[in-house]
Protein backbone atom coordinates (compact mmCIF):
# COMPACT_ATOMS: atom_id res chain seq x y z
CA MET A 1 -13.38 8.28 6.82
CA ALA A 2 -9.69 7.59 6.53
CA ASN A 3 -8.91 11.13 5.78
CA VAL A 4 -6.70 10.42 2.80
CA SER A 5 -5.18 13.80 1.84
CA SER A 6 -1.96 15.20 0.17
CA ASN A 7 1.38 14.39 1.78
CA SER A 8 -0.11 11.49 3.99
CA ASP A 9 1.29 8.35 4.64
CA ILE A 10 -1.46 5.54 4.13
CA LEU A 11 -1.15 2.08 5.29
CA VAL A 12 -3.42 -0.07 3.23
CA VAL A 13 -4.35 -4.00 3.55
CA ASP A 14 -5.40 -4.65 0.04
CA MET A 15 -7.05 -8.21 -0.51
CA VAL A 16 -9.42 -6.94 -3.19
CA GLY A 17 -7.02 -7.00 -6.24
CA GLY A 18 -5.41 -3.69 -5.71
CA LEU A 19 -8.45 -1.51 -6.32
CA LEU A 20 -8.14 0.25 -2.90
CA THR A 21 -4.33 0.69 -3.38
CA GLY A 22 -5.09 2.31 -6.75
CA ALA A 23 -7.81 4.69 -5.61
CA VAL A 24 -5.71 5.78 -2.58
CA ALA A 25 -2.74 6.59 -4.70
CA GLU A 26 -4.94 8.58 -7.21
CA ARG A 27 -6.19 10.61 -4.30
CA LEU A 28 -2.87 11.32 -3.18
CA GLY A 29 -2.05 12.87 -6.46
CA GLY A 30 1.75 12.03 -6.39
CA THR A 31 2.25 13.14 -2.66
CA GLY A 32 2.81 11.37 0.54
CA PHE A 33 3.18 7.23 0.11
CA VAL A 34 0.61 4.34 0.12
CA CYS A 35 2.16 1.26 1.40
CA ASN A 36 0.27 -1.96 0.51
CA SER A 37 1.10 -4.22 3.47
CA TYR A 38 -0.12 -7.93 3.00
CA PRO A 39 0.15 -11.31 4.52
CA GLY A 40 2.15 -13.93 2.90
CA GLN A 41 4.60 -13.62 0.01
CA ALA A 42 3.20 -11.07 -2.49
CA PRO A 43 0.78 -8.31 -2.78
CA SER A 44 -2.50 -8.24 -4.47
CA MET A 45 -2.02 -5.42 -7.01
CA ASP A 46 -3.19 -6.66 -10.48
CA ILE A 47 -5.89 -3.97 -10.62
CA VAL A 48 -3.18 -0.85 -9.96
CA ARG A 49 -2.23 -1.25 -13.69
CA ILE A 50 -5.48 -0.60 -15.05
CA PHE A 51 -5.48 2.91 -13.53
CA ASN A 52 -2.72 3.87 -16.05
CA LEU A 53 -1.14 6.10 -13.17
CA SER A 54 1.58 8.60 -14.06
CA ASP A 55 5.39 7.56 -12.93
CA GLU A 56 5.07 10.39 -10.50
CA ILE A 57 2.10 8.64 -8.62
CA CYS A 58 3.44 4.99 -9.35
CA LYS A 59 6.87 5.78 -7.58
CA ARG A 60 4.54 6.59 -4.42
CA ILE A 61 2.83 3.16 -4.20
CA VAL A 62 5.21 0.90 -2.20
CA ARG A 63 4.82 -2.60 -0.61
CA SER A 64 5.97 -4.15 2.53
CA SER A 65 4.95 -7.38 4.26
CA ILE A 66 3.09 -7.29 7.84
CA SER A 67 5.92 -9.43 9.05
CA ASP A 68 8.37 -6.81 8.04
CA LEU A 69 6.59 -3.78 9.18
CA LEU A 70 6.07 -5.47 12.67
CA SER A 71 9.78 -6.66 13.01
CA GLN A 72 10.98 -3.08 12.07
CA LYS A 73 8.38 -1.79 14.48
CA GLU A 74 9.91 -3.93 17.61
CA SER A 75 13.62 -2.96 16.93
CA PRO A 76 15.43 -2.52 13.66
CA GLN A 77 19.02 -3.48 15.40
CA GLN A 78 17.31 -6.89 15.97
CA ASN A 79 17.70 -7.58 11.91
CA PRO A 80 21.20 -7.32 11.01
CA LYS A 81 20.40 -9.28 8.09
CA HIS A 82 18.40 -6.39 6.45
CA ASP A 83 21.38 -4.19 6.72
CA VAL A 84 23.78 -6.68 5.08
CA GLY A 85 21.53 -7.31 2.44
CA SER A 86 21.23 -3.62 1.87
CA VAL A 87 25.12 -3.60 1.74
CA GLU A 88 25.20 -6.52 -0.54
CA SER A 89 22.70 -4.80 -2.74
CA GLN A 90 24.50 -1.59 -2.86
CA SER A 91 27.81 -3.51 -3.61
CA ASN A 92 25.87 -5.38 -6.40
CA ASP A 93 24.62 -2.25 -7.97
CA GLN A 94 27.96 -0.75 -7.84
CA MET A 95 29.65 -3.81 -9.69
CA CYS A 96 26.76 -3.77 -12.18
CA ALA A 97 27.58 -0.07 -12.92
CA SER A 98 31.23 -0.68 -13.15
CA VAL A 99 30.82 -3.55 -15.52
CA SER A 100 28.43 -1.41 -17.75
CA MET A 101 30.88 1.47 -17.86
CA GLU A 102 33.54 -1.02 -18.83
CA GLU A 103 31.37 -2.46 -21.56
CA ILE A 104 30.61 1.04 -22.62
CA SER A 105 34.23 2.14 -22.81
CA HIS A 106 35.33 -1.00 -24.54
CA SER A 107 32.64 -0.76 -27.24
CA SER A 108 33.72 2.79 -27.73
CA GLU A 109 37.41 2.17 -28.20
CA ASN A 110 36.85 -0.68 -30.56
CA GLY A 111 34.45 1.46 -32.55
CA THR A 112 31.37 -0.94 -32.37
CA SER A 113 28.92 1.73 -31.43
CA ASP A 114 26.87 1.23 -34.87
CA LEU A 115 23.06 1.27 -35.10
CA GLY A 116 22.41 -2.39 -34.10
CA ALA A 117 24.54 -1.93 -30.99
CA GLU A 118 22.24 1.09 -29.97
CA ASN A 119 19.00 -0.59 -30.66
CA ASN A 120 20.26 -3.32 -28.01
CA THR A 121 21.49 -1.04 -25.60
CA PHE A 122 18.80 1.75 -25.28
CA PRO A 123 16.02 -0.73 -24.62
CA ALA A 124 17.81 -1.92 -21.61
CA LEU A 125 18.57 1.72 -20.25
CA ARG A 126 14.78 2.53 -20.68
CA ALA A 127 13.69 -0.63 -18.94
CA CYS A 128 16.05 0.32 -16.11
CA LYS A 129 14.53 3.69 -15.86
CA ALA A 130 10.87 2.59 -16.01
CA ILE A 131 9.00 3.16 -12.72
CA LYS A 132 6.67 0.27 -11.64
CA ALA A 133 3.99 0.56 -9.16
CA GLY A 134 4.67 -1.57 -5.85
CA GLU A 135 8.28 -1.53 -5.58
CA LYS A 136 9.69 -2.72 -1.96
CA ALA A 137 9.82 0.14 0.67
CA SER A 138 13.02 1.28 1.25
CA GLN A 139 14.74 0.86 4.82
CA GLU A 140 14.67 4.79 5.23
CA ILE A 141 10.83 4.93 4.70
CA ILE A 142 10.33 2.25 6.97
CA ASP A 143 12.43 4.05 9.60
CA SER A 144 10.45 7.09 9.17
CA TRP A 145 7.28 5.19 9.49
CA LYS A 146 8.34 3.40 12.56
CA GLU A 147 9.49 6.80 14.10
CA ASN A 148 6.43 9.01 13.14
CA GLY A 149 3.68 6.42 12.39
CA PHE A 150 1.26 6.45 9.41
CA SER A 151 -1.36 8.95 8.73
CA SER A 152 -4.27 6.51 8.56
CA LEU A 153 -5.29 2.79 7.95
CA ILE A 154 -7.49 1.23 5.36
CA ILE A 155 -8.23 -2.55 5.45
CA ALA A 156 -10.19 -4.49 3.04
CA ALA A 157 -9.39 -7.94 3.69
CA PRO A 158 -12.44 -9.99 3.82
CA ASP A 159 -10.90 -13.39 3.95
CA SER A 160 -8.70 -12.48 7.01
CA ASP A 161 -9.44 -12.18 10.69
CA THR A 162 -10.37 -8.59 11.08
CA TRP A 163 -9.40 -8.24 14.68
CA THR A 164 -5.85 -10.11 14.38
CA LEU A 165 -5.09 -7.45 11.57
CA VAL A 166 -6.32 -4.50 13.52
CA LYS A 167 -4.49 -5.61 16.91
CA ASP A 168 -1.13 -5.76 14.94
CA LEU A 169 -1.40 -2.86 12.59
CA LEU A 170 -3.14 -0.06 14.69
CA PRO A 171 0.11 0.52 16.91
CA LEU A 172 1.69 1.34 13.60
CA LEU A 173 -0.48 4.69 13.33
CA SER A 174 0.44 7.91 14.80
CA ASN A 175 -1.85 9.13 17.50
CA SER A 176 -5.18 10.48 16.48
CA ALA A 177 -4.85 8.85 13.21
CA PRO A 178 -8.12 7.66 11.64
CA PHE A 179 -8.77 4.24 10.23
CA ALA A 180 -11.33 2.33 8.10
CA ILE A 181 -12.07 -1.34 7.86
CA TYR A 182 -14.26 -2.82 5.44
CA HIS A 183 -16.02 -6.49 5.82
CA GLN A 184 -18.83 -7.95 4.14
CA TYR A 185 -20.27 -9.34 7.30
CA LEU A 186 -21.27 -7.29 10.36
CA GLN A 187 -20.23 -9.73 13.23
CA PRO A 188 -16.42 -9.57 12.57
CA LEU A 189 -16.55 -6.06 12.72
CA ALA A 190 -18.51 -5.75 15.85
CA THR A 191 -16.15 -8.22 17.51
CA CYS A 192 -13.45 -5.86 16.59
CA MET A 193 -15.27 -2.69 17.78
CA HIS A 194 -15.79 -4.55 21.04
CA ASN A 195 -12.34 -5.51 21.56
CA LEU A 196 -10.93 -1.95 20.51
CA GLN A 197 -13.15 -0.57 23.13
CA LEU A 198 -11.96 -2.94 25.91
CA GLU A 199 -8.40 -2.54 25.16
CA LYS A 200 -8.89 1.39 24.84
CA MET A 201 -7.03 1.56 21.71
CA ALA A 202 -9.52 3.76 19.63
CA ILE A 203 -12.50 6.40 20.15
CA GLY A 204 -15.31 7.51 17.94
CA LEU A 205 -16.02 4.00 16.74
CA GLN A 206 -18.88 3.47 14.75
CA ILE A 207 -20.21 0.90 12.04
CA THR A 208 -21.89 2.27 9.00
CA GLU A 209 -23.52 0.40 6.03
CA PRO A 210 -22.67 1.81 2.59
CA TRP A 211 -25.48 1.55 0.31
CA LEU A 212 -26.27 1.96 -3.32
CA ARG A 213 -29.87 2.14 -4.90
CA GLU A 214 -29.89 1.40 -8.56
CA TYR A 215 -32.51 2.87 -10.87
CA GLN A 216 -33.96 1.96 -14.14
CA VAL A 217 -34.60 4.84 -16.29
CA LEU A 218 -37.47 4.34 -18.76
CA PRO A 219 -40.19 6.94 -20.22
CA SER A 220 -42.81 6.92 -17.53
CA ARG A 221 -41.41 4.00 -15.83
CA THR A 222 -38.40 5.47 -13.65
CA HIS A 223 -38.16 3.44 -10.20
CA PRO A 224 -35.44 1.33 -8.45
CA PHE A 225 -34.53 -2.04 -9.81
CA MET A 226 -37.08 -4.79 -8.40
CA GLN A 227 -34.43 -7.17 -7.99
CA MET A 228 -31.41 -5.10 -6.86
CA SER A 229 -29.25 -6.18 -4.05
CA ALA A 230 -29.36 -4.03 -0.95
CA PHE A 231 -26.12 -5.79 0.72
CA GLY A 232 -22.86 -3.68 0.22
CA GLY A 233 -21.03 -4.73 3.13
CA TYR A 234 -19.85 -2.77 6.25
CA ILE A 235 -17.21 -0.22 7.34
CA LEU A 236 -15.84 0.17 11.04
CA SER A 237 -14.21 3.61 11.35
CA GLY A 238 -12.60 5.35 14.41
CA THR A 239 -9.54 7.39 15.58
CA LYS A 240 -6.33 5.84 17.16
CA ILE A 241 -5.60 6.93 20.60
CA CYS A 242 -2.39 6.40 22.91
CA SER A 243 -3.19 3.56 25.24
CA ASN A 244 -0.50 4.27 27.81
CA CYS A 245 -1.93 7.58 28.64
């Protein structure tokens, strides 16, 4: 429904522990980007570690708060603090690099490169090179998304207001980009679908019900479980259009 394919930039609102983020990243296979956008202070990405993804895939998983994406969408010039912070971070990185080079040269001059020093230095270097999923999206990537838009949008946030999220995030998509929204109840998606039709923001809207039938398999007694749950939530899908046309 969301057309997740290679070299795509997927915007994800994952409030189910990171299950959706990990699945999208695995589907991309180390190409494109999956941006975990979240309300509040920190994203929900605990389950991503269980996927045991490769470094190539992990570096394609980035995060950015919804407020940051919306502020960047309005105007990057209105946020000089981001530029100052980036300059300060670059200067801090340069200072750290110079300090580390001075320490290395000082240790080599004094002849202190023994085995113990190597054991203390190499783990730190390895830790710096380790790739962790969910690093903050860089300014260049955000500017690219602001200019070109995301390839698709996937939302799984049962505890948040669906229409509020869609109203804010749908303009971040490129025209003709698909989207899929999950909710455990039908009414929030029906309200969202009605508002999208009124605002003329999307076409091809439909609400589907994913359903899984569980069987018990026994000799001569194979049939569906008598006490299985027939409730699996609902998915609203559609295609974003240019409302200014």
